[in-house]
């Protein structure tokens, strides 16, 4: 197991401050690897776990840096207006990656801004469907500049608020113009001044309705939040594929 840990450190570029930290991380790594291998051996499942870049983190550490979605319930705030895709016919399959509406996989690193990545991905998708141009947009602009309310960069946020910011801000700039840093910083107005894509509105999919979600996804990429606090989510592949069940989902 020591040799596996050394190879894993090289693969993921992990460097520890001292031998004491290395020993502590090895103990966590060993526990996690044993759990992964036991899970994969324990009968057929719809997915397998893998030894990824989080293998030397406790689940508490993983949750602290990855679960940045802030679920806020406002009593009486449920929308009563009709769902725009209510009468959509759902095709047997839909993969927006094959339609050119999804950018390559991105990594939020040790920053709890999943809300920004989710909102940006949906914005990238609808912009591509509207213009035919797939542009990688800046999550860092949301992390740094969308801080006036519940959205607080690496400390978490909410996609609805990110969409409100994009509308009010009249768009986002590109990833290349305002690169991702995986850390909170001061809003750079110069970098954020060149807007290349925007939205005019957004709509929440009706709660607790998988059929409504199917109809929404049939029309465009959607922004979702997943409770990834469970141990298994720490070790799933980068793209989560729930297959061999009806309906099946692929989420990046």
Foldseek 3Di string as FASTA:
>chain_A
DVVVVVVQCVVLVDDDPDPVRVVLLVVQLVVQVVVQVVVQVPDDDQFGFACDPCSSPDLVQVCQQAAQADDDDDPPPDDDDDDPLPPPDFDPDDDVVVVVQFDPDDDLPRFHELLLVLLQSQQQRVQCVVPVDRFAFASLLCLAPLPPPQRHRSNHDHNQSVLVCLQVLVATHGCVLPPRDSDYDHRDCVSGVDGDTGDNDDDDQDPPDVVSVSSVVSPIDHGDHDPQSDSRSSGGDSWDWRPPDPPIDIHD
